[in-house]
Amino acid sequence: MLSRVANSIYWMNRYVERAENVARFVDVNLNLLLDAPMGMDQQWEPIVITTGDQAFFQQRYGEATAENILKFLTFDRDYPNSIISCLRSARENARSVREVISSEMWEQVNDFYLMVNEAADVGSLSELHRFFPEVKMASHLFAGVMDATMTHNEGWHFGQLGRLLERADKTGRILDVKYYILLPAVTDVGSSLDDLQWIALLKSASAYEMYRKRQYRITPRSVTEFLILNREFPRSILFCLLEAERSLHKISGTTPGTWRTDSDRTLGRLRSELDYLTIDEIIQQGLHEFLDSLQIRLNDVGDKIFSDFFALEPV
């Protein structure tokens, strides 16, 4: 497969997944505002902090109001990680490989972009409680159409690789929102407010129902363990890395436990470390510190994939 084609399929899937996860990211706070008691402060600036794009936001908007941040993350065409920018990039990548992907995939990503573009032209922030679920559902439809209509060959595995690495990163960032925004006062730990915050977090990751099927109580320790270390839930970080590694082995022609490229070795090392990690070790290290380190290492995996498969010359 041409590196240009593989690169486009990889990033098409990353951008669709990123758009979905930005919607989930903001949804954490919106869900909380619906359930929070009267008088609770609305904290929006930490959402921008956890994106890593605080300087860009301050340059364009200045004050971190709810309206400014929602516009920035959702409809800002100049911010490359906004929902509309992600869908524009996904659509352009899909356009460049229309001869490789199925027509149904192209139609779905095109319809997805047009839906978001129409919402951006309307510019109403009052309908975002309906808009974000539509974004999540459109992303699910794209993933389903791809699975059902594209041959599960090397190109499909590049798409899976992009989607799963993006999902692992964003699940970590959604948890980091809890660290920055939802971290309660000492007196609130274990209270009904604390429970509401963790429930909102689970719902924003579409994890609430699956979590409750295996856990009766909502506790920070068990929620964190479920979203990081569960091997069966499709949005947990470990599940994403296990499946991403499986696709990477298919691409590079290696078997589990062996490696041929730097990306094989880097992803395999990260997955194996997470495989043997316990929630107690994560808590002892510090949740924020663990997630920050994880995001850096996921970025390193992405860099190695670029060098191994997409760079025109050795980097």
C-alpha atoms as a PDB file:
ATOM      1  CA  MET A   1       0.000   0.000   0.000  1.00  0.00           C
ATOM      2  CA  LEU A   2       1.261   3.497  -0.854  1.00  0.00           C
ATOM      3  CA  SER A   3       2.319   5.485   2.200  1.00  0.00           C
ATOM      4  CA  ARG A   4       0.132   8.375   1.020  1.00  0.00           C
ATOM      5  CA  VAL A   5      -2.955   6.163   1.006  1.00  0.00           C
ATOM      6  CA  ALA A   6      -2.142   4.591   4.373  1.00  0.00           C
ATOM      7  CA  ASN A   7      -1.546   8.036   5.870  1.00  0.00           C
ATOM      8  CA  SER A   8      -4.891   9.351   4.615  1.00  0.00           C
ATOM      9  CA  ILE A   9      -6.856   6.372   5.957  1.00  0.00           C
ATOM     10  CA  TYR A  10      -5.042   6.585   9.288  1.00  0.00           C
ATOM     11  CA  TRP A  11      -5.761  10.303   9.706  1.00  0.00           C
ATOM     12  CA  MET A  12      -9.300  10.105   8.353  1.00  0.00           C
ATOM     13  CA  ASN A  13     -10.115   7.782  11.236  1.00  0.00           C
ATOM     14  CA  ARG A  14      -8.150   9.781  13.800  1.00  0.00           C
ATOM     15  CA  TYR A  15      -9.992  12.966  12.869  1.00  0.00           C
ATOM     16  CA  VAL A  16     -13.438  11.353  13.005  1.00  0.00           C
ATOM     17  CA  GLU A  17     -12.606   9.861  16.411  1.00  0.00           C
ATOM     18  CA  ARG A  18     -11.171  13.200  17.582  1.00  0.00           C
ATOM     19  CA  ALA A  19     -14.359  15.036  16.632  1.00  0.00           C
ATOM     20  CA  GLU A  20     -16.407  12.502  18.597  1.00  0.00           C
ATOM     21  CA  ASN A  21     -14.159  12.761  21.612  1.00  0.00           C
ATOM     22  CA  VAL A  22     -14.140  16.558  21.650  1.00  0.00           C
ATOM     23  CA  ALA A  23     -17.933  16.261  21.870  1.00  0.00           C
ATOM     24  CA  ARG A  24     -17.527  13.845  24.785  1.00  0.00           C
ATOM     25  CA  PHE A  25     -14.924  16.116  26.343  1.00  0.00           C
ATOM     26  CA  VAL A  26     -17.273  19.101  26.538  1.00  0.00           C
ATOM     27  CA  ASP A  27     -20.190  16.831  27.423  1.00  0.00           C
ATOM     28  CA  VAL A  28     -18.515  16.041  30.761  1.00  0.00           C
ATOM     29  CA  ASN A  29     -19.068  19.620  31.849  1.00  0.00           C
ATOM     30  CA  LEU A  30     -22.487  20.054  30.250  1.00  0.00           C
ATOM     31  CA  ASN A  31     -23.795  16.905  31.962  1.00  0.00           C
ATOM     32  CA  LEU A  32     -22.483  18.146  35.262  1.00  0.00           C
ATOM     33  CA  LEU A  33     -24.220  21.489  34.924  1.00  0.00           C
ATOM     34  CA  LEU A  34     -27.550  19.690  34.550  1.00  0.00           C
ATOM     35  CA  ASP A  35     -27.059  17.676  37.743  1.00  0.00           C
ATOM     36  CA  ALA A  36     -25.007  20.064  39.867  1.00  0.00           C
ATOM     37  CA  PRO A  37     -26.649  21.812  42.826  1.00  0.00           C
ATOM     38  CA  MET A  38     -27.569  25.483  42.551  1.00  0.00           C
ATOM     39  CA  GLY A  39     -24.695  27.834  43.248  1.00  0.00           C
ATOM     40  CA  MET A  40     -21.944  25.520  42.063  1.00  0.00           C
ATOM     41  CA  ASP A  41     -19.327  27.451  40.070  1.00  0.00           C
ATOM     42  CA  GLN A  42     -19.084  26.729  36.361  1.00  0.00           C
ATOM     43  CA  GLN A  43     -15.488  25.888  35.536  1.00  0.00           C
ATOM     44  CA  TRP A  44     -14.686  26.002  31.831  1.00  0.00           C
ATOM     45  CA  GLU A  45     -11.057  27.101  31.583  1.00  0.00           C
ATOM     46  CA  PRO A  46      -9.652  23.716  32.766  1.00  0.00           C
ATOM     47  CA  ILE A  47     -11.220  22.103  29.678  1.00  0.00           C
ATOM     48  CA  VAL A  48      -8.949  24.226  27.492  1.00  0.00           C
ATOM     49  CA  ILE A  49      -5.974  23.506  29.761  1.00  0.00           C
ATOM     50  CA  THR A  50      -6.378  19.768  29.275  1.00  0.00           C
ATOM     51  CA  THR A  51      -6.446  20.172  25.460  1.00  0.00           C
ATOM     52  CA  GLY A  52      -2.941  21.646  25.580  1.00  0.00           C
ATOM     53  CA  ASP A  53      -4.084  24.605  23.448  1.00  0.00           C
ATOM     54  CA  GLN A  54      -4.609  27.230  26.162  1.00  0.00           C
ATOM     55  CA  ALA A  55      -2.204  29.750  24.577  1.00  0.00           C
ATOM     56  CA  PHE A  56      -3.991  29.541  21.216  1.00  0.00           C
ATOM     57  CA  PHE A  57      -7.353  30.022  22.927  1.00  0.00           C
ATOM     58  CA  GLN A  58      -6.206  33.059  24.903  1.00  0.00           C
ATOM     59  CA  GLN A  59      -4.759  34.619  21.774  1.00  0.00           C
ATOM     60  CA  ARG A  60      -8.087  34.305  19.952  1.00  0.00           C
ATOM     61  CA  TYR A  61     -10.672  34.755  22.714  1.00  0.00           C
ATOM     62  CA  GLY A  62      -9.051  36.040  25.870  1.00  0.00           C
ATOM     63  CA  GLU A  63     -11.635  35.409  28.580  1.00  0.00           C
ATOM     64  CA  ALA A  64     -12.494  31.767  29.321  1.00  0.00           C
ATOM     65  CA  THR A  65     -16.276  32.062  29.326  1.00  0.00           C
ATOM     66  CA  ALA A  66     -18.597  29.154  28.571  1.00  0.00           C
ATOM     67  CA  GLU A  67     -19.631  30.724  25.263  1.00  0.00           C
ATOM     68  CA  ASN A  68     -16.050  31.340  24.122  1.00  0.00           C
ATOM     69  CA  ILE A  69     -14.867  27.863  25.002  1.00  0.00           C
ATOM     70  CA  LEU A  70     -17.855  26.156  23.364  1.00  0.00           C
ATOM     71  CA  LYS A  71     -17.283  28.153  20.166  1.00  0.00           C
ATOM     72  CA  PHE A  72     -13.559  27.397  20.280  1.00  0.00           C
ATOM     73  CA  LEU A  73     -13.940  23.628  20.693  1.00  0.00           C
ATOM     74  CA  THR A  74     -16.948  23.198  18.441  1.00  0.00           C
ATOM     75  CA  PHE A  75     -17.167  25.665  15.538  1.00  0.00           C
ATOM     76  CA  ASP A  76     -13.839  27.539  15.325  1.00  0.00           C
ATOM     77  CA  ARG A  77     -12.633  26.896  11.767  1.00  0.00           C
ATOM     78  CA  ASP A  78      -9.156  28.272  12.551  1.00  0.00           C
ATOM     79  CA  TYR A  79      -8.576  25.960  15.522  1.00  0.00           C
ATOM     80  CA  PRO A  80      -7.328  22.666  14.011  1.00  0.00           C
ATOM     81  CA  ASN A  81      -8.755  20.484  16.804  1.00  0.00           C
ATOM     82  CA  SER A  82     -12.288  21.875  16.866  1.00  0.00           C
ATOM     83  CA  ILE A  83     -15.071  19.523  15.822  1.00  0.00           C
ATOM     84  CA  ILE A  84     -15.669  21.293  12.509  1.00  0.00           C
ATOM     85  CA  SER A  85     -11.945  21.430  11.671  1.00  0.00           C
ATOM     86  CA  CYS A  86     -11.540  17.722  12.443  1.00  0.00           C
ATOM     87  CA  LEU A  87     -14.442  16.822  10.164  1.00  0.00           C
ATOM     88  CA  ARG A  88     -13.114  19.049   7.394  1.00  0.00           C
ATOM     89  CA  SER A  89      -9.734  17.283   7.615  1.00  0.00           C
ATOM     90  CA  ALA A  90     -11.377  13.834   7.757  1.00  0.00           C
ATOM     91  CA  ARG A  91     -13.417  14.669   4.654  1.00  0.00           C
ATOM     92  CA  GLU A  92     -10.355  15.864   2.713  1.00  0.00           C
ATOM     93  CA  ASN A  93      -8.457  12.695   3.624  1.00  0.00           C
ATOM     94  CA  ALA A  94     -11.445  10.598   2.534  1.00  0.00           C
ATOM     95  CA  ARG A  95     -11.649  12.518  -0.747  1.00  0.00           C
ATOM     96  CA  SER A  96      -7.990  11.756  -1.513  1.00  0.00           C
ATOM     97  CA  VAL A  97      -8.518   7.979  -1.169  1.00  0.00           C
ATOM     98  CA  ARG A  98     -12.005   7.561  -2.635  1.00  0.00           C
ATOM     99  CA  GLU A  99     -10.682   4.839  -4.931  1.00  0.00           C
ATOM    100  CA  VAL A 100      -9.634   2.763  -1.888  1.00  0.00           C
ATOM    101  CA  ILE A 101     -12.474   3.253   0.596  1.00  0.00           C
ATOM    102  CA  SER A 102     -16.077   2.218  -0.035  1.00  0.00           C
ATOM    103  CA  SER A 103     -18.624   4.666  -1.437  1.00  0.00           C
ATOM    104  CA  GLU A 104     -20.677   4.224   1.745  1.00  0.00           C
ATOM    105  CA  MET A 105     -17.718   5.426   3.828  1.00  0.00           C
ATOM    106  CA  TRP A 106     -17.337   8.512   1.662  1.00  0.00           C
ATOM    107  CA  GLU A 107     -21.062   9.274   1.872  1.00  0.00           C
ATOM    108  CA  GLN A 108     -21.085   8.929   5.653  1.00  0.00           C
ATOM    109  CA  VAL A 109     -18.062  11.156   6.301  1.00  0.00           C
ATOM    110  CA  ASN A 110     -19.401  13.698   3.805  1.00  0.00           C
ATOM    111  CA  ASP A 111     -22.851  13.737   5.467  1.00  0.00           C
ATOM    112  CA  PHE A 112     -21.155  14.021   8.865  1.00  0.00           C
ATOM    113  CA  TYR A 113     -19.191  17.089   7.741  1.00  0.00           C
ATOM    114  CA  LEU A 114     -22.247  18.722   6.164  1.00  0.00           C
ATOM    115  CA  MET A 115     -24.257  18.203   9.375  1.00  0.00           C
ATOM    116  CA  VAL A 116     -21.576  19.895  11.478  1.00  0.00           C
ATOM    117  CA  ASN A 117     -21.070  22.643   8.890  1.00  0.00           C
ATOM    118  CA  GLU A 118     -24.791  23.420   8.880  1.00  0.00           C
ATOM    119  CA  ALA A 119     -24.817  23.625  12.684  1.00  0.00           C
ATOM    120  CA  ALA A 120     -21.808  25.974  12.549  1.00  0.00           C
ATOM    121  CA  ASP A 121     -23.575  28.261  10.063  1.00  0.00           C
ATOM    122  CA  VAL A 122     -26.583  28.464  12.374  1.00  0.00           C
ATOM    123  CA  GLY A 123     -24.182  29.227  15.215  1.00  0.00           C
ATOM    124  CA  SER A 124     -26.657  28.522  18.000  1.00  0.00           C
ATOM    125  CA  LEU A 125     -25.055  27.330  21.246  1.00  0.00           C
ATOM    126  CA  SER A 126     -28.442  26.677  22.841  1.00  0.00           C
ATOM    127  CA  GLU A 127     -28.876  23.420  20.867  1.00  0.00           C
ATOM    128  CA  LEU A 128     -25.528  21.888  21.811  1.00  0.00           C
ATOM    129  CA  HIS A 129     -27.189  19.401  24.164  1.00  0.00           C
ATOM    130  CA  ARG A 130     -28.681  17.852  20.999  1.00  0.00           C
ATOM    131  CA  PHE A 131     -25.707  18.497  18.739  1.00  0.00           C
ATOM    132  CA  PHE A 132     -23.097  16.551  20.728  1.00  0.00           C
ATOM    133  CA  PRO A 133     -25.092  13.281  20.783  1.00  0.00           C
ATOM    134  CA  GLU A 134     -25.546  13.654  17.002  1.00  0.00           C
ATOM    135  CA  VAL A 135     -21.772  14.006  16.594  1.00  0.00           C
ATOM    136  CA  LYS A 136     -21.164  10.865  18.656  1.00  0.00           C
ATOM    137  CA  MET A 137     -23.772   8.875  16.717  1.00  0.00           C
ATOM    138  CA  ALA A 138     -22.400  10.000  13.332  1.00  0.00           C
ATOM    139  CA  SER A 139     -18.933   8.853  14.394  1.00  0.00           C
ATOM    140  CA  HIS A 140     -20.340   5.464  15.428  1.00  0.00           C
ATOM    141  CA  LEU A 141     -22.080   5.182  12.068  1.00  0.00           C
ATOM    142  CA  PHE A 142     -18.840   5.873  10.231  1.00  0.00           C
ATOM    143  CA  ALA A 143     -16.978   3.202  12.211  1.00  0.00           C
ATOM    144  CA  GLY A 144     -19.786   0.717  11.590  1.00  0.00           C
ATOM    145  CA  VAL A 145     -19.957   1.468   7.868  1.00  0.00           C
ATOM    146  CA  MET A 146     -16.194   1.061   7.584  1.00  0.00           C
ATOM    147  CA  ASP A 147     -16.277  -2.310   9.372  1.00  0.00           C
ATOM    148  CA  ALA A 148     -19.148  -3.551   7.232  1.00  0.00           C
ATOM    149  CA  THR A 149     -18.108  -2.296   3.779  1.00  0.00           C
ATOM    150  CA  MET A 150     -14.299  -2.138   3.640  1.00  0.00           C
ATOM    151  CA  THR A 151     -12.111  -5.198   3.183  1.00  0.00           C
ATOM    152  CA  HIS A 152     -10.268  -5.879   6.434  1.00  0.00           C
ATOM    153  CA  ASN A 153      -6.873  -5.598   4.788  1.00  0.00           C
ATOM    154  CA  GLU A 154      -3.842  -3.414   5.485  1.00  0.00           C
ATOM    155  CA  GLY A 155      -5.790  -0.203   4.833  1.00  0.00           C
ATOM    156  CA  TRP A 156      -8.513  -1.167   7.298  1.00  0.00           C
ATOM    157  CA  HIS A 157      -5.870  -1.891   9.949  1.00  0.00           C
ATOM    158  CA  PHE A 158      -4.307   1.545   9.432  1.00  0.00           C
ATOM    159  CA  GLY A 159      -7.756   3.029  10.046  1.00  0.00           C
ATOM    160  CA  GLN A 160      -8.191   0.947  13.192  1.00  0.00           C
ATOM    161  CA  LEU A 161      -4.758   1.996  14.401  1.00  0.00           C
ATOM    162  CA  GLY A 162      -5.593   5.676  14.015  1.00  0.00           C
ATOM    163  CA  ARG A 163      -8.992   5.382  15.671  1.00  0.00           C
ATOM    164  CA  LEU A 164      -7.774   3.374  18.670  1.00  0.00           C
ATOM    165  CA  LEU A 165      -4.726   5.513  19.440  1.00  0.00           C
ATOM    166  CA  GLU A 166      -6.890   8.629  19.291  1.00  0.00           C
ATOM    167  CA  ARG A 167      -9.491   7.019  21.547  1.00  0.00           C
ATOM    168  CA  ALA A 168      -6.901   5.963  24.126  1.00  0.00           C
ATOM    169  CA  ASP A 169      -5.525   9.493  24.261  1.00  0.00           C
ATOM    170  CA  LYS A 170      -8.941  11.093  24.628  1.00  0.00           C
ATOM    171  CA  THR A 171     -10.157   8.658  27.294  1.00  0.00           C
ATOM    172  CA  GLY A 172      -7.112   9.755  29.266  1.00  0.00           C
ATOM    173  CA  ARG A 173      -7.967  13.408  28.712  1.00  0.00           C
ATOM    174  CA  ILE A 174     -11.592  12.888  29.771  1.00  0.00           C
ATOM    175  CA  LEU A 175     -10.267  11.407  33.019  1.00  0.00           C
ATOM    176  CA  ASP A 176      -7.941  14.378  33.326  1.00  0.00           C
ATOM    177  CA  VAL A 177     -10.978  16.654  33.195  1.00  0.00           C
ATOM    178  CA  LYS A 178     -12.034  14.985  36.426  1.00  0.00           C
ATOM    179  CA  TYR A 179      -8.655  15.855  37.937  1.00  0.00           C
ATOM    180  CA  TYR A 180      -8.827  19.513  36.930  1.00  0.00           C
ATOM    181  CA  ILE A 181     -12.533  20.293  37.100  1.00  0.00           C
ATOM    182  CA  LEU A 182     -14.258  17.716  39.205  1.00  0.00           C
ATOM    183  CA  LEU A 183     -11.669  17.242  41.938  1.00  0.00           C
ATOM    184  CA  PRO A 184     -13.832  17.998  44.965  1.00  0.00           C
ATOM    185  CA  ALA A 185     -12.971  19.613  48.225  1.00  0.00           C
ATOM    186  CA  VAL A 186     -11.890  17.153  50.901  1.00  0.00           C
ATOM    187  CA  THR A 187     -15.294  17.526  52.542  1.00  0.00           C
ATOM    188  CA  ASP A 188     -17.049  16.498  49.292  1.00  0.00           C
ATOM    189  CA  VAL A 189     -15.177  13.220  48.760  1.00  0.00           C
ATOM    190  CA  GLY A 190     -17.699  10.370  48.883  1.00  0.00           C
ATOM    191  CA  SER A 191     -20.651  12.768  48.919  1.00  0.00           C
ATOM    192  CA  SER A 192     -23.629  12.717  46.555  1.00  0.00           C
ATOM    193  CA  LEU A 193     -21.981  15.557  44.589  1.00  0.00           C
ATOM    194  CA  ASP A 194     -18.828  13.485  44.134  1.00  0.00           C
ATOM    195  CA  ASP A 195     -20.939  10.528  42.949  1.00  0.00           C
ATOM    196  CA  LEU A 196     -22.751  12.760  40.437  1.00  0.00           C
ATOM    197  CA  GLN A 197     -19.437  13.894  39.016  1.00  0.00           C
ATOM    198  CA  TRP A 198     -18.143  10.353  38.506  1.00  0.00           C
ATOM    199  CA  ILE A 199     -21.481   9.267  36.995  1.00  0.00           C
ATOM    200  CA  ALA A 200     -21.309  12.195  34.553  1.00  0.00           C
ATOM    201  CA  LEU A 201     -17.801  11.138  33.638  1.00  0.00           C
ATOM    202  CA  LEU A 202     -18.886   7.544  32.961  1.00  0.00           C
ATOM    203  CA  LYS A 203     -21.836   8.693  30.856  1.00  0.00           C
ATOM    204  CA  SER A 204     -19.614  10.963  28.793  1.00  0.00           C
ATOM    205  CA  ALA A 205     -17.452   7.931  27.958  1.00  0.00           C
ATOM    206  CA  SER A 206     -20.572   5.814  27.226  1.00  0.00           C
ATOM    207  CA  ALA A 207     -19.363   3.632  30.074  1.00  0.00           C
ATOM    208  CA  TYR A 208     -22.039   4.041  32.747  1.00  0.00           C
ATOM    209  CA  GLU A 209     -24.228   1.057  31.867  1.00  0.00           C
ATOM    210  CA  MET A 210     -21.328  -1.328  31.270  1.00  0.00           C
ATOM    211  CA  TYR A 211     -19.703  -0.205  34.506  1.00  0.00           C
ATOM    212  CA  ARG A 212     -22.862  -0.789  36.547  1.00  0.00           C
ATOM    213  CA  LYS A 213     -23.231  -4.291  35.115  1.00  0.00           C
ATOM    214  CA  ARG A 214     -20.009  -5.267  36.861  1.00  0.00           C
ATOM    215  CA  GLN A 215     -19.787  -2.803  39.778  1.00  0.00           C
ATOM    216  CA  TYR A 216     -22.525  -1.913  42.239  1.00  0.00           C
ATOM    217  CA  ARG A 217     -20.922   1.129  43.833  1.00  0.00           C
ATOM    218  CA  ILE A 218     -19.514   4.253  42.190  1.00  0.00           C
ATOM    219  CA  THR A 219     -16.052   4.826  43.629  1.00  0.00           C
ATOM    220  CA  PRO A 220     -13.154   6.865  42.164  1.00  0.00           C
ATOM    221  CA  ARG A 221     -10.851   3.860  42.375  1.00  0.00           C
ATOM    222  CA  SER A 222     -13.156   1.454  40.534  1.00  0.00           C
ATOM    223  CA  VAL A 223     -14.199   3.996  37.872  1.00  0.00           C
ATOM    224  CA  THR A 224     -10.574   4.854  37.152  1.00  0.00           C
ATOM    225  CA  GLU A 225      -9.638   1.186  36.990  1.00  0.00           C
ATOM    226  CA  PHE A 226     -12.530   0.481  34.587  1.00  0.00           C
ATOM    227  CA  LEU A 227     -11.602   3.284  32.169  1.00  0.00           C
ATOM    228  CA  ILE A 228      -7.870   2.569  32.213  1.00  0.00           C
ATOM    229  CA  LEU A 229      -7.307  -1.144  32.812  1.00  0.00           C
ATOM    230  CA  ASN A 230     -10.439  -3.015  31.696  1.00  0.00           C
ATOM    231  CA  ARG A 231      -9.532  -5.455  28.911  1.00  0.00           C
ATOM    232  CA  GLU A 232     -13.055  -5.803  27.464  1.00  0.00           C
ATOM    233  CA  PHE A 233     -14.681  -2.343  27.439  1.00  0.00           C
ATOM    234  CA  PRO A 234     -14.003  -0.761  24.003  1.00  0.00           C
ATOM    235  CA  ARG A 235     -13.248   2.726  25.310  1.00  0.00           C
ATOM    236  CA  SER A 236     -10.825   1.719  28.058  1.00  0.00           C
ATOM    237  CA  ILE A 237      -7.209   2.675  27.465  1.00  0.00           C
ATOM    238  CA  LEU A 238      -5.863  -0.869  27.780  1.00  0.00           C
ATOM    239  CA  PHE A 239      -8.463  -2.283  25.370  1.00  0.00           C
ATOM    240  CA  CYS A 240      -7.539   0.385  22.797  1.00  0.00           C
ATOM    241  CA  LEU A 241      -3.835  -0.421  23.088  1.00  0.00           C
ATOM    242  CA  LEU A 242      -4.426  -4.177  22.836  1.00  0.00           C
ATOM    243  CA  GLU A 243      -6.456  -3.772  19.637  1.00  0.00           C
ATOM    244  CA  ALA A 244      -4.100  -1.147  18.204  1.00  0.00           C
ATOM    245  CA  GLU A 245      -1.161  -3.478  18.757  1.00  0.00           C
ATOM    246  CA  ARG A 246      -3.055  -6.288  17.014  1.00  0.00           C
ATOM    247  CA  SER A 247      -3.588  -4.090  13.936  1.00  0.00           C
ATOM    248  CA  LEU A 248       0.023  -2.921  13.995  1.00  0.00           C
ATOM    249  CA  HIS A 249       1.214  -6.551  13.997  1.00  0.00           C
ATOM    250  CA  LYS A 250      -0.988  -7.236  10.951  1.00  0.00           C
ATOM    251  CA  ILE A 251       0.527  -4.243   9.157  1.00  0.00           C
ATOM    252  CA  SER A 252       4.158  -5.010   9.981  1.00  0.00           C
ATOM    253  CA  GLY A 253       3.794  -8.783   9.607  1.00  0.00           C
ATOM    254  CA  THR A 254       5.000  -9.576  13.112  1.00  0.00           C
ATOM    255  CA  THR A 255       3.523 -11.701  15.873  1.00  0.00           C
ATOM    256  CA  PRO A 256       2.798 -10.752  19.505  1.00  0.00           C
ATOM    257  CA  GLY A 257       6.026 -10.618  21.471  1.00  0.00           C
ATOM    258  CA  THR A 258       8.153  -9.775  18.417  1.00  0.00           C
ATOM    259  CA  TRP A 259       8.890  -6.481  16.707  1.00  0.00           C
ATOM    260  CA  ARG A 260      10.290  -5.312  13.400  1.00  0.00           C
ATOM    261  CA  THR A 261       9.815  -1.542  13.566  1.00  0.00           C
ATOM    262  CA  ASP A 262      10.253   1.175  16.186  1.00  0.00           C
ATOM    263  CA  SER A 263       6.486   1.588  16.355  1.00  0.00           C
ATOM    264  CA  ASP A 264       6.063  -2.153  17.122  1.00  0.00           C
ATOM    265  CA  ARG A 265       8.535  -1.869  19.975  1.00  0.00           C
ATOM    266  CA  THR A 266       7.231   1.436  21.367  1.00  0.00           C
ATOM    267  CA  LEU A 267       3.562   0.429  21.338  1.00  0.00           C
ATOM    268  CA  GLY A 268       4.338  -3.087  22.592  1.00  0.00           C
ATOM    269  CA  ARG A 269       6.309  -1.725  25.526  1.00  0.00           C
ATOM    270  CA  LEU A 270       3.538   0.703  26.497  1.00  0.00           C
ATOM    271  CA  ARG A 271       0.849  -1.967  26.199  1.00  0.00           C
ATOM    272  CA  SER A 272       2.819  -4.533  28.204  1.00  0.00           C
ATOM    273  CA  GLU A 273       3.528  -2.052  31.002  1.00  0.00           C
ATOM    274  CA  LEU A 274      -0.148  -1.164  31.200  1.00  0.00           C
ATOM    275  CA  ASP A 275      -1.060  -4.855  31.081  1.00  0.00           C
ATOM    276  CA  TYR A 276       0.802  -5.521  34.326  1.00  0.00           C
ATOM    277  CA  LEU A 277       0.001  -2.238  36.078  1.00  0.00           C
ATOM    278  CA  THR A 278      -2.421  -2.157  39.012  1.00  0.00           C
ATOM    279  CA  ILE A 279      -4.803   0.616  39.971  1.00  0.00           C
ATOM    280  CA  ASP A 280      -2.970   0.966  43.297  1.00  0.00           C
ATOM    281  CA  GLU A 281       0.262   1.745  41.451  1.00  0.00           C
ATOM    282  CA  ILE A 282      -1.528   4.354  39.336  1.00  0.00           C
ATOM    283  CA  ILE A 283      -3.029   6.026  42.401  1.00  0.00           C
ATOM    284  CA  GLN A 284       0.314   5.959  44.190  1.00  0.00           C
ATOM    285  CA  GLN A 285       1.960   7.628  41.199  1.00  0.00           C
ATOM    286  CA  GLY A 286      -0.843  10.189  40.969  1.00  0.00           C
ATOM    287  CA  LEU A 287      -3.670  10.038  38.419  1.00  0.00           C
ATOM    288  CA  HIS A 288      -2.778  13.288  36.695  1.00  0.00           C
ATOM    289  CA  GLU A 289       0.924  12.421  36.539  1.00  0.00           C
ATOM    290  CA  PHE A 290       0.117   8.985  35.108  1.00  0.00           C
ATOM    291  CA  LEU A 291      -2.240  10.400  32.464  1.00  0.00           C
ATOM    292  CA  ASP A 292       0.215  13.139  31.517  1.00  0.00           C
ATOM    293  CA  SER A 293       2.977  10.558  31.006  1.00  0.00           C
ATOM    294  CA  LEU A 294       0.592   8.315  29.056  1.00  0.00           C
ATOM    295  CA  GLN A 295      -0.317  11.109  26.630  1.00  0.00           C
ATOM    296  CA  ILE A 296       3.352  11.859  26.001  1.00  0.00           C
ATOM    297  CA  ARG A 297       4.048   8.193  25.268  1.00  0.00           C
ATOM    298  CA  LEU A 298       1.022   7.898  22.975  1.00  0.00           C
ATOM    299  CA  ASN A 299       2.349  10.900  21.039  1.00  0.00           C
ATOM    300  CA  ASP A 300       5.684   9.072  20.782  1.00  0.00           C
ATOM    301  CA  VAL A 301       3.891   6.021  19.345  1.00  0.00           C
ATOM    302  CA  GLY A 302       2.264   8.288  16.754  1.00  0.00           C
ATOM    303  CA  ASP A 303       5.652   9.773  15.831  1.00  0.00           C
ATOM    304  CA  LYS A 304       7.148   6.307  15.390  1.00  0.00           C
ATOM    305  CA  ILE A 305       4.243   5.229  13.160  1.00  0.00           C
ATOM    306  CA  PHE A 306       4.823   8.294  10.995  1.00  0.00           C
ATOM    307  CA  SER A 307       8.551   7.536  10.702  1.00  0.00           C
ATOM    308  CA  ASP A 308       8.015   3.837   9.959  1.00  0.00           C
ATOM    309  CA  PHE A 309       5.148   4.039   7.467  1.00  0.00           C
ATOM    310  CA  PHE A 310       4.359   7.554   6.253  1.00  0.00           C
ATOM    311  CA  ALA A 311       7.608   9.545   5.991  1.00  0.00           C
ATOM    312  CA  LEU A 312       8.916   9.849   2.443  1.00  0.00           C
ATOM    313  CA  GLU A 313      12.471   9.822   3.746  1.00  0.00           C
ATOM    314  CA  PRO A 314      13.962   8.399   6.941  1.00  0.00           C
ATOM    315  CA  VAL A 315      13.421  10.814   9.828  1.00  0.00           C
END
